[in-house]
Amino acid sequence: MLDVLTRFANGVSWCASQLASVAAAVLTVAMVYEVAARYVFDAPTAWAFDIAYMANGAVFLLGVAYVLREDAHIRIDVLRNRLPVRFNRGVQGIAYLLILAPFFGMLSWIAVSHTWRAWVLHEVETVSPWAPLMWPFYLCIALGLIALTLQLAVGGLRAFRGLDSAARKDH
């Protein structure tokens, strides 16, 4: 059962990371276009700032679950390396499964409800002259948080089972 859940969470994380890659490409193209429009043609865009903050937020939130999956996140190992492996796994299991996964699950629920509300109400960014629809950005936030919640739950279960993070990297 844990293997099925792990494969599912890894698949969701991988899909989210692919969306993060697309968002990074959109961010890069939009910023290069904005610089050229502003400094070469003296015609700045009305949408560049909105694309920049939305794409940047999407890159971060859609990529964080994949980073956790690959065990590439930053941690302070000064104390961790001096403690027994079994203790570290217990702390990681408690932190991931009992504290962080429920917290990010609640944030996921809130993000999904905000996305739905923005979809139904056709919510737009009110302080922007471009006034883009907000639901695509909210959807990226929700998908990233859901992927992170799943990865945290799997990481916690694996820690309690005594499985190391290297075994988690099955693609």
Protein backbone atom coordinates (compact mmCIF):
# COMPACT_ATOMS: atom_id res chain seq x y z
CA MET A 1 0.00 0.00 0.00
CA LEU A 2 2.83 2.40 0.85
CA ASP A 3 4.44 1.68 -2.53
CA VAL A 4 1.23 2.61 -4.34
CA LEU A 5 0.89 5.82 -2.33
CA THR A 6 4.57 6.63 -2.92
CA ARG A 7 4.26 6.12 -6.68
CA PHE A 8 1.12 8.28 -6.75
CA ALA A 9 2.71 11.09 -4.71
CA ASN A 10 5.88 10.92 -6.80
CA GLY A 11 3.82 11.10 -9.99
CA VAL A 12 1.90 14.13 -8.75
CA SER A 13 5.17 15.78 -7.70
CA TRP A 14 6.73 15.05 -11.09
CA CYS A 15 3.71 16.52 -12.93
CA ALA A 16 3.82 19.61 -10.73
CA SER A 17 7.54 19.98 -11.42
CA GLN A 18 6.86 19.86 -15.16
CA LEU A 19 4.34 22.67 -14.74
CA ALA A 20 6.99 24.56 -12.76
CA SER A 21 9.34 24.17 -15.71
CA VAL A 22 6.73 25.66 -18.02
CA ALA A 23 6.17 28.53 -15.59
CA ALA A 24 9.93 29.18 -15.50
CA ALA A 25 10.02 29.32 -19.29
CA VAL A 26 7.03 31.70 -19.35
CA LEU A 27 8.73 33.89 -16.74
CA THR A 28 11.96 34.00 -18.74
CA VAL A 29 10.29 34.80 -22.06
CA ALA A 30 8.05 37.44 -20.49
CA MET A 31 10.95 39.19 -18.77
CA VAL A 32 13.14 39.18 -21.89
CA TYR A 33 10.22 40.57 -23.89
CA GLU A 34 9.55 43.24 -21.27
CA VAL A 35 13.17 44.36 -21.20
CA ALA A 36 13.27 44.59 -24.99
CA ALA A 37 9.92 46.38 -25.15
CA ARG A 38 10.92 48.86 -22.44
CA TYR A 39 14.51 49.65 -23.37
CA VAL A 40 14.67 49.02 -27.11
CA PHE A 41 11.21 50.14 -28.24
CA ASP A 42 10.35 52.46 -25.31
CA ALA A 43 7.00 50.67 -24.99
CA PRO A 44 6.70 48.89 -21.62
CA THR A 45 3.98 46.28 -21.23
CA ALA A 46 1.04 46.44 -18.85
CA TRP A 47 1.23 42.74 -18.06
CA ALA A 48 4.90 41.99 -17.28
CA PHE A 49 4.70 42.58 -13.53
CA ASP A 50 1.65 40.31 -13.20
CA ILE A 51 3.25 37.54 -15.23
CA ALA A 52 6.45 37.89 -13.19
CA TYR A 53 4.89 37.47 -9.75
CA MET A 54 2.46 34.77 -10.86
CA ALA A 55 5.06 32.71 -12.72
CA ASN A 56 7.62 33.13 -9.95
CA GLY A 57 5.09 31.99 -7.34
CA ALA A 58 4.09 29.07 -9.55
CA VAL A 59 7.71 27.97 -10.01
CA PHE A 60 8.26 27.90 -6.26
CA LEU A 61 5.01 26.23 -5.23
CA LEU A 62 4.89 23.71 -8.05
CA GLY A 63 8.52 22.73 -7.55
CA VAL A 64 8.67 22.35 -3.78
CA ALA A 65 7.14 18.84 -3.67
CA TYR A 66 9.64 17.57 -6.24
CA VAL A 67 12.49 19.03 -4.19
CA LEU A 68 11.19 17.16 -1.14
CA ARG A 69 10.80 13.99 -3.20
CA GLU A 70 14.42 14.22 -4.32
CA ASP A 71 15.55 15.02 -0.75
CA ALA A 72 17.19 18.18 -2.11
CA HIS A 73 15.81 20.61 0.44
CA ILE A 74 18.04 22.51 2.82
CA ARG A 75 18.36 21.25 6.36
CA ILE A 76 20.68 21.96 9.22
CA ASP A 77 22.61 18.76 9.86
CA VAL A 78 24.80 19.92 12.76
CA LEU A 79 22.56 18.35 15.39
CA ARG A 80 20.89 15.78 13.16
CA ASN A 81 24.18 14.03 12.30
CA ARG A 82 25.01 13.58 15.97
CA LEU A 83 21.74 11.86 16.88
CA PRO A 84 20.80 8.22 16.29
CA VAL A 85 19.27 7.42 12.90
CA ARG A 86 16.20 5.88 14.52
CA PHE A 87 15.56 9.05 16.53
CA ASN A 88 15.96 11.20 13.41
CA ARG A 89 13.48 9.05 11.52
CA GLY A 90 10.99 9.34 14.38
CA VAL A 91 11.33 13.12 14.45
CA GLN A 92 10.98 13.29 10.67
CA GLY A 93 7.95 11.00 10.74
CA ILE A 94 6.23 13.08 13.42
CA ALA A 95 7.12 16.39 11.75
CA TYR A 96 6.11 15.33 8.24
CA LEU A 97 3.08 13.15 8.91
CA LEU A 98 1.56 14.60 12.07
CA ILE A 99 2.45 18.31 11.86
CA LEU A 100 3.35 19.46 8.34
CA ALA A 101 1.08 17.23 6.21
CA PRO A 102 -2.10 18.25 8.11
CA PHE A 103 -1.04 21.92 8.03
CA PHE A 104 -0.35 21.90 4.30
CA GLY A 105 -3.47 19.80 3.74
CA MET A 106 -5.50 22.57 5.35
CA LEU A 107 -3.71 25.16 3.21
CA SER A 108 -4.48 23.00 0.15
CA TRP A 109 -8.15 22.97 1.06
CA ILE A 110 -8.17 26.76 1.41
CA ALA A 111 -6.32 27.16 -1.90
CA VAL A 112 -8.77 24.88 -3.72
CA SER A 113 -11.73 26.83 -2.32
CA HIS A 114 -10.11 30.14 -3.35
CA THR A 115 -9.49 28.74 -6.82
CA TRP A 116 -13.10 27.63 -7.14
CA ARG A 117 -14.40 30.99 -5.90
CA ALA A 118 -12.16 32.85 -8.36
CA TRP A 119 -13.36 30.60 -11.19
CA VAL A 120 -17.04 31.09 -10.37
CA LEU A 121 -16.79 34.85 -9.78
CA HIS A 122 -14.34 35.50 -12.65
CA GLU A 123 -12.06 37.22 -10.16
CA VAL A 124 -9.41 39.50 -11.63
CA GLU A 125 -6.38 41.24 -10.15
CA THR A 126 -7.90 44.55 -9.10
CA VAL A 127 -4.68 46.56 -8.66
CA SER A 128 -3.33 45.71 -12.10
CA PRO A 129 -4.03 47.74 -15.25
CA TRP A 130 -4.03 44.43 -17.13
CA ALA A 131 -6.53 42.81 -14.71
CA PRO A 132 -5.73 39.14 -15.38
CA LEU A 133 -7.99 36.34 -14.21
CA MET A 134 -6.76 34.99 -10.89
CA TRP A 135 -7.97 31.38 -10.97
CA PRO A 136 -5.00 30.04 -13.01
CA PHE A 137 -2.56 31.44 -10.45
CA TYR A 138 -4.66 30.13 -7.56
CA LEU A 139 -4.82 26.74 -9.30
CA CYS A 140 -1.00 26.59 -9.42
CA ILE A 141 -0.91 27.38 -5.72
CA ALA A 142 -3.47 24.66 -4.97
CA LEU A 143 -1.72 22.02 -7.10
CA GLY A 144 1.64 22.79 -5.52
CA LEU A 145 0.22 22.58 -2.01
CA ILE A 146 -1.59 19.31 -2.77
CA ALA A 147 1.59 17.79 -4.21
CA LEU A 148 3.56 18.94 -1.16
CA THR A 149 0.96 17.51 1.22
CA LEU A 150 1.11 14.12 -0.50
CA GLN A 151 4.91 14.12 -0.50
CA LEU A 152 5.01 15.04 3.20
CA ALA A 153 2.59 12.25 4.07
CA VAL A 154 4.62 9.70 2.11
CA GLY A 155 7.87 11.00 3.62
CA GLY A 156 6.45 10.66 7.13
CA LEU A 157 5.17 7.14 6.52
CA ARG A 158 8.49 6.11 5.00
CA ALA A 159 10.36 7.56 7.98
CA PHE A 160 8.19 5.60 10.43
CA ARG A 161 8.78 2.47 8.35
CA GLY A 162 12.54 3.02 8.53
CA LEU A 163 12.94 3.52 4.80
CA ASP A 164 15.61 5.95 3.72
CA SER A 165 15.07 8.84 1.35
CA ALA A 166 17.21 7.28 -1.40
CA ALA A 167 14.61 4.54 -1.85
CA ARG A 168 12.04 7.26 -2.42
CA LYS A 169 13.61 8.28 -5.72
CA ASP A 170 11.93 5.63 -7.84
CA HIS A 171 10.86 7.44 -10.99
